[in-house]
Amino acid sequence: MELTKPNRDFRKAIAQLYLLDPDFQQIETIAGNLEIRSYEPTFASLVRIIVGQQLSTKAADAIFLRLSESLEILPSPIATCAEEELRKVGLSRAKVACCQTLAVAILEGKIDLESFAKLPDEAIATQLLQIKGIGKWTVEIFLLFCLQRLDILPANDLALQVAYQKLKNLSIRPTAKELIALVAPLTPYRGVVAHLLWHYYRYLHS
C-alpha cells in the first residue's frame, strides 16, 4: 500500500487534464512527479480504507499494521474474531462492527468483490453502501485506489479542499459542494485531479 508511479494510461489522463486546466501542471513542477496510492481490490484493502475514516494516514497505517500482525485480514478471521481483540489494535466499536458486517456479507455472497472490476461505479456503490459504516467517502476511495476509476472526486476530503484552495489562491477553502462545481468541467478526469491534489497536499505538509 505504498505510493506508486502512475501507469501509462494514467499519464495520458494527466496530459489531458493539463490541457483542460494548466494550473494543475504546477503541482508536479513544485512537488515532483506524481505518486499515487494504489491498493489491490481486496477485502484487506477495503478494511484499510474503513480504518482510515476520519483519521490521518499515519494513524490509520499504524492501526492497520497492528491488525495485520494480530490476524489474517480475510473475511472469515475478521467475522469470527472477538470484538475486544479487534478493539485492542485501535479500532473503534463502530469500525469493528462495520468490518465484521462487511466480512459476513462477503461470506454470505451478498457482496462479491471479485465482480467489482466489471461493474459500473453506481453498482459497486449500491453493494457497499448497504453496510452500516460505509459511506460515500469510503466507496469513492475504494473506486479510486483499488479500481483506478479516474473520474471519482471524494469532495468531502479535507486535504483535497485545502490543496485546491492553495493551488487556486482562493481566500476561503471550498466546501465539498463548491469543489464539485469547480471541478465539474474537468470530467472525466476528476479522479486524476484528486490524486494530484493529494500529492500537492503531502508536499505542503512534508
Protein backbone atom coordinates (compact mmCIF):
# COMPACT_ATOMS: atom_id res chain seq x y z
CA MET A 1 0.00 0.00 0.00
CA GLU A 2 2.89 2.31 -0.76
CA LEU A 3 2.85 5.24 -3.15
CA THR A 4 3.50 4.18 -6.75
CA LYS A 5 4.10 5.84 -10.10
CA PRO A 6 1.07 6.20 -12.40
CA ASN A 7 0.88 3.78 -15.33
CA ARG A 8 0.88 4.82 -18.97
CA ASP A 9 -2.90 5.23 -19.23
CA PHE A 10 -2.90 7.38 -16.10
CA ARG A 11 -0.13 9.58 -17.53
CA LYS A 12 -2.23 10.05 -20.68
CA ALA A 13 -5.15 11.15 -18.49
CA ILE A 14 -2.86 13.60 -16.68
CA ALA A 15 -1.80 15.10 -20.00
CA GLN A 16 -5.46 15.59 -20.96
CA LEU A 17 -6.19 17.23 -17.61
CA TYR A 18 -3.30 19.66 -18.09
CA LEU A 19 -4.85 20.74 -21.40
CA LEU A 20 -8.17 21.40 -19.66
CA ASP A 21 -6.63 23.26 -16.70
CA PRO A 22 -2.93 24.13 -16.95
CA ASP A 23 -2.86 25.21 -13.28
CA PHE A 24 -2.62 21.55 -12.28
CA GLN A 25 0.69 21.23 -14.08
CA GLN A 26 2.19 23.42 -11.35
CA ILE A 27 1.77 20.58 -8.87
CA GLU A 28 4.33 18.28 -10.44
CA THR A 29 6.62 21.24 -11.11
CA ILE A 30 6.55 22.17 -7.42
CA ALA A 31 6.06 18.81 -5.69
CA GLY A 32 7.85 16.48 -8.11
CA ASN A 33 6.49 13.66 -10.23
CA LEU A 34 3.11 12.39 -9.13
CA GLU A 35 2.93 9.32 -6.90
CA ILE A 36 -0.43 7.73 -6.14
CA ARG A 37 -1.89 5.34 -3.61
CA SER A 38 -2.79 2.09 -5.32
CA TYR A 39 -4.32 -0.82 -3.40
CA GLU A 40 -5.31 -4.27 -4.58
CA PRO A 41 -9.14 -4.60 -4.87
CA THR A 42 -9.36 -6.95 -1.90
CA PHE A 43 -11.18 -7.26 1.40
CA ALA A 44 -7.99 -6.24 3.22
CA SER A 45 -7.78 -3.04 1.21
CA LEU A 46 -11.38 -2.19 1.97
CA VAL A 47 -10.71 -2.78 5.67
CA ARG A 48 -7.71 -0.42 5.40
CA ILE A 49 -9.95 2.25 3.90
CA ILE A 50 -12.53 1.77 6.66
CA VAL A 51 -9.77 2.05 9.27
CA GLY A 52 -8.74 5.35 7.66
CA GLN A 53 -12.13 7.01 8.03
CA GLN A 54 -11.62 10.37 9.80
CA LEU A 55 -8.03 9.50 10.72
CA SER A 56 -4.66 10.71 9.47
CA THR A 57 -2.84 8.37 7.10
CA LYS A 58 -0.12 7.82 9.72
CA ALA A 59 -2.59 6.83 12.43
CA ALA A 60 -4.56 4.58 10.09
CA ASP A 61 -1.40 2.87 8.85
CA ALA A 62 -0.34 2.15 12.44
CA ILE A 63 -3.71 0.61 13.36
CA PHE A 64 -3.84 -1.43 10.16
CA LEU A 65 -0.31 -2.74 10.80
CA ARG A 66 -1.28 -3.88 14.29
CA LEU A 67 -4.41 -5.51 12.90
CA SER A 68 -2.47 -7.36 10.19
CA GLU A 69 0.03 -8.58 12.78
CA SER A 70 -2.73 -9.93 15.01
CA LEU A 71 -4.65 -11.95 12.40
CA GLU A 72 -5.04 -12.61 8.69
CA ILE A 73 -7.23 -9.92 7.16
CA LEU A 74 -9.70 -12.14 5.37
CA PRO A 75 -13.48 -12.26 5.80
CA SER A 76 -13.60 -15.41 7.96
CA PRO A 77 -10.96 -14.41 10.56
CA ILE A 78 -12.42 -10.92 10.86
CA ALA A 79 -16.01 -12.17 11.11
CA THR A 80 -15.19 -14.65 13.89
CA CYS A 81 -12.71 -12.54 15.86
CA ALA A 82 -13.87 -11.35 19.28
CA GLU A 83 -14.75 -7.66 19.38
CA GLU A 84 -12.35 -6.97 22.24
CA GLU A 85 -9.44 -8.37 20.23
CA LEU A 86 -10.17 -6.02 17.35
CA ARG A 87 -10.61 -3.13 19.76
CA LYS A 88 -7.15 -3.80 21.21
CA VAL A 89 -5.43 -2.84 17.96
CA GLY A 90 -7.15 0.55 17.98
CA LEU A 91 -10.38 0.04 16.06
CA SER A 92 -13.42 1.89 17.34
CA ARG A 93 -16.52 -0.09 18.19
CA ALA A 94 -18.25 1.30 15.09
CA LYS A 95 -15.39 0.28 12.81
CA VAL A 96 -15.27 -3.21 14.32
CA ALA A 97 -18.98 -3.59 13.60
CA CYS A 98 -18.53 -2.25 10.07
CA CYS A 99 -15.64 -4.59 9.23
CA GLN A 100 -17.40 -7.61 10.69
CA THR A 101 -20.69 -6.82 8.93
CA LEU A 102 -18.79 -6.47 5.67
CA ALA A 103 -16.98 -9.77 6.26
CA VAL A 104 -20.25 -11.59 6.89
CA ALA A 105 -21.85 -10.05 3.79
CA ILE A 106 -18.95 -11.30 1.68
CA LEU A 107 -19.06 -14.77 3.23
CA GLU A 108 -22.80 -14.95 2.56
CA GLY A 109 -22.36 -13.85 -1.05
CA LYS A 110 -24.24 -10.57 -0.64
CA ILE A 111 -21.13 -8.68 -1.76
CA ASP A 112 -18.82 -10.04 -4.46
CA LEU A 113 -15.59 -8.04 -4.53
CA GLU A 114 -14.23 -10.08 -7.43
CA SER A 115 -17.06 -8.86 -9.66
CA PHE A 116 -16.37 -5.19 -8.99
CA ALA A 117 -13.78 -4.74 -11.75
CA LYS A 118 -16.53 -5.33 -14.33
CA LEU A 119 -19.25 -3.26 -12.64
CA PRO A 120 -20.05 0.44 -13.09
CA ASP A 121 -19.38 2.80 -10.19
CA GLU A 122 -23.05 3.05 -9.21
CA ALA A 123 -23.49 -0.73 -8.94
CA ILE A 124 -20.44 -1.01 -6.69
CA ALA A 125 -21.70 1.82 -4.51
CA THR A 126 -25.10 0.13 -4.16
CA GLN A 127 -23.46 -3.03 -2.82
CA LEU A 128 -21.08 -1.33 -0.42
CA LEU A 129 -23.47 1.30 0.94
CA GLN A 130 -25.72 -1.41 2.36
CA ILE A 131 -23.07 -1.92 5.05
CA LYS A 132 -23.56 0.38 8.04
CA GLY A 133 -20.41 2.42 8.49
CA ILE A 134 -19.53 2.52 4.80
CA GLY A 135 -20.41 5.89 3.37
CA LYS A 136 -19.80 7.83 0.20
CA TRP A 137 -16.16 8.70 1.04
CA THR A 138 -15.23 5.06 1.66
CA VAL A 139 -16.78 3.98 -1.64
CA GLU A 140 -15.05 6.77 -3.54
CA ILE A 141 -11.65 5.93 -2.04
CA PHE A 142 -12.14 2.25 -2.95
CA LEU A 143 -13.06 3.18 -6.51
CA LEU A 144 -10.02 5.44 -6.81
CA PHE A 145 -7.33 3.47 -5.01
CA CYS A 146 -8.42 -0.10 -5.73
CA LEU A 147 -10.15 0.06 -9.10
CA GLN A 148 -8.35 3.08 -10.58
CA ARG A 149 -11.56 4.77 -11.67
CA LEU A 150 -10.35 8.13 -12.99
CA ASP A 151 -13.46 10.26 -12.66
CA ILE A 152 -14.10 9.96 -8.93
CA LEU A 153 -13.75 13.02 -6.68
CA PRO A 154 -14.08 12.50 -2.88
CA ALA A 155 -15.03 16.14 -2.42
CA ASN A 156 -15.62 15.74 1.33
CA ASP A 157 -11.92 15.02 1.81
CA LEU A 158 -10.42 17.96 3.70
CA ALA A 159 -6.99 17.52 2.11
CA LEU A 160 -8.46 17.97 -1.37
CA GLN A 161 -10.26 21.14 -0.33
CA VAL A 162 -7.13 22.60 1.27
CA ALA A 163 -4.90 21.72 -1.68
CA TYR A 164 -7.35 23.16 -4.20
CA GLN A 165 -7.59 26.39 -2.20
CA LYS A 166 -3.79 26.69 -2.23
CA LEU A 167 -3.44 25.80 -5.91
CA LYS A 168 -6.01 28.36 -6.99
CA ASN A 169 -5.04 31.01 -4.39
CA LEU A 170 -8.57 31.14 -3.01
CA SER A 171 -9.22 33.24 0.08
CA ILE A 172 -11.62 30.65 1.50
CA ARG A 173 -11.41 26.86 1.43
CA PRO A 174 -14.15 25.49 -0.84
CA THR A 175 -16.87 23.32 0.62
CA ALA A 176 -17.46 19.86 -0.81
CA LYS A 177 -20.37 21.19 -2.86
CA GLU A 178 -18.28 24.08 -4.16
CA LEU A 179 -15.36 21.80 -5.02
CA ILE A 180 -17.65 19.52 -7.02
CA ALA A 181 -18.90 22.52 -9.02
CA LEU A 182 -15.39 23.92 -9.55
CA VAL A 183 -14.01 20.61 -10.80
CA ALA A 184 -17.06 19.61 -12.88
CA PRO A 185 -15.55 20.99 -16.13
CA LEU A 186 -12.64 18.55 -15.68
CA THR A 187 -14.80 15.47 -16.17
CA PRO A 188 -13.81 12.67 -16.94
CA TYR A 189 -10.52 13.31 -15.12
CA ARG A 190 -11.75 14.27 -11.65
CA GLY A 191 -10.01 11.24 -10.13
CA VAL A 192 -6.76 12.49 -11.63
CA VAL A 193 -7.49 15.84 -10.01
CA ALA A 194 -7.91 14.09 -6.67
CA HIS A 195 -4.61 12.24 -6.92
CA LEU A 196 -2.76 15.40 -7.93
CA LEU A 197 -4.30 17.39 -5.08
CA TRP A 198 -3.34 14.72 -2.54
CA HIS A 199 0.20 14.77 -3.96
CA TYR A 200 0.25 18.55 -3.53
CA TYR A 201 -1.16 18.31 -0.01
CA ARG A 202 1.55 15.82 1.01
CA TYR A 203 4.16 18.24 -0.34
CA LEU A 204 2.64 21.19 1.51
CA HIS A 205 2.68 19.25 4.79
CA SER A 206 6.01 17.46 4.41
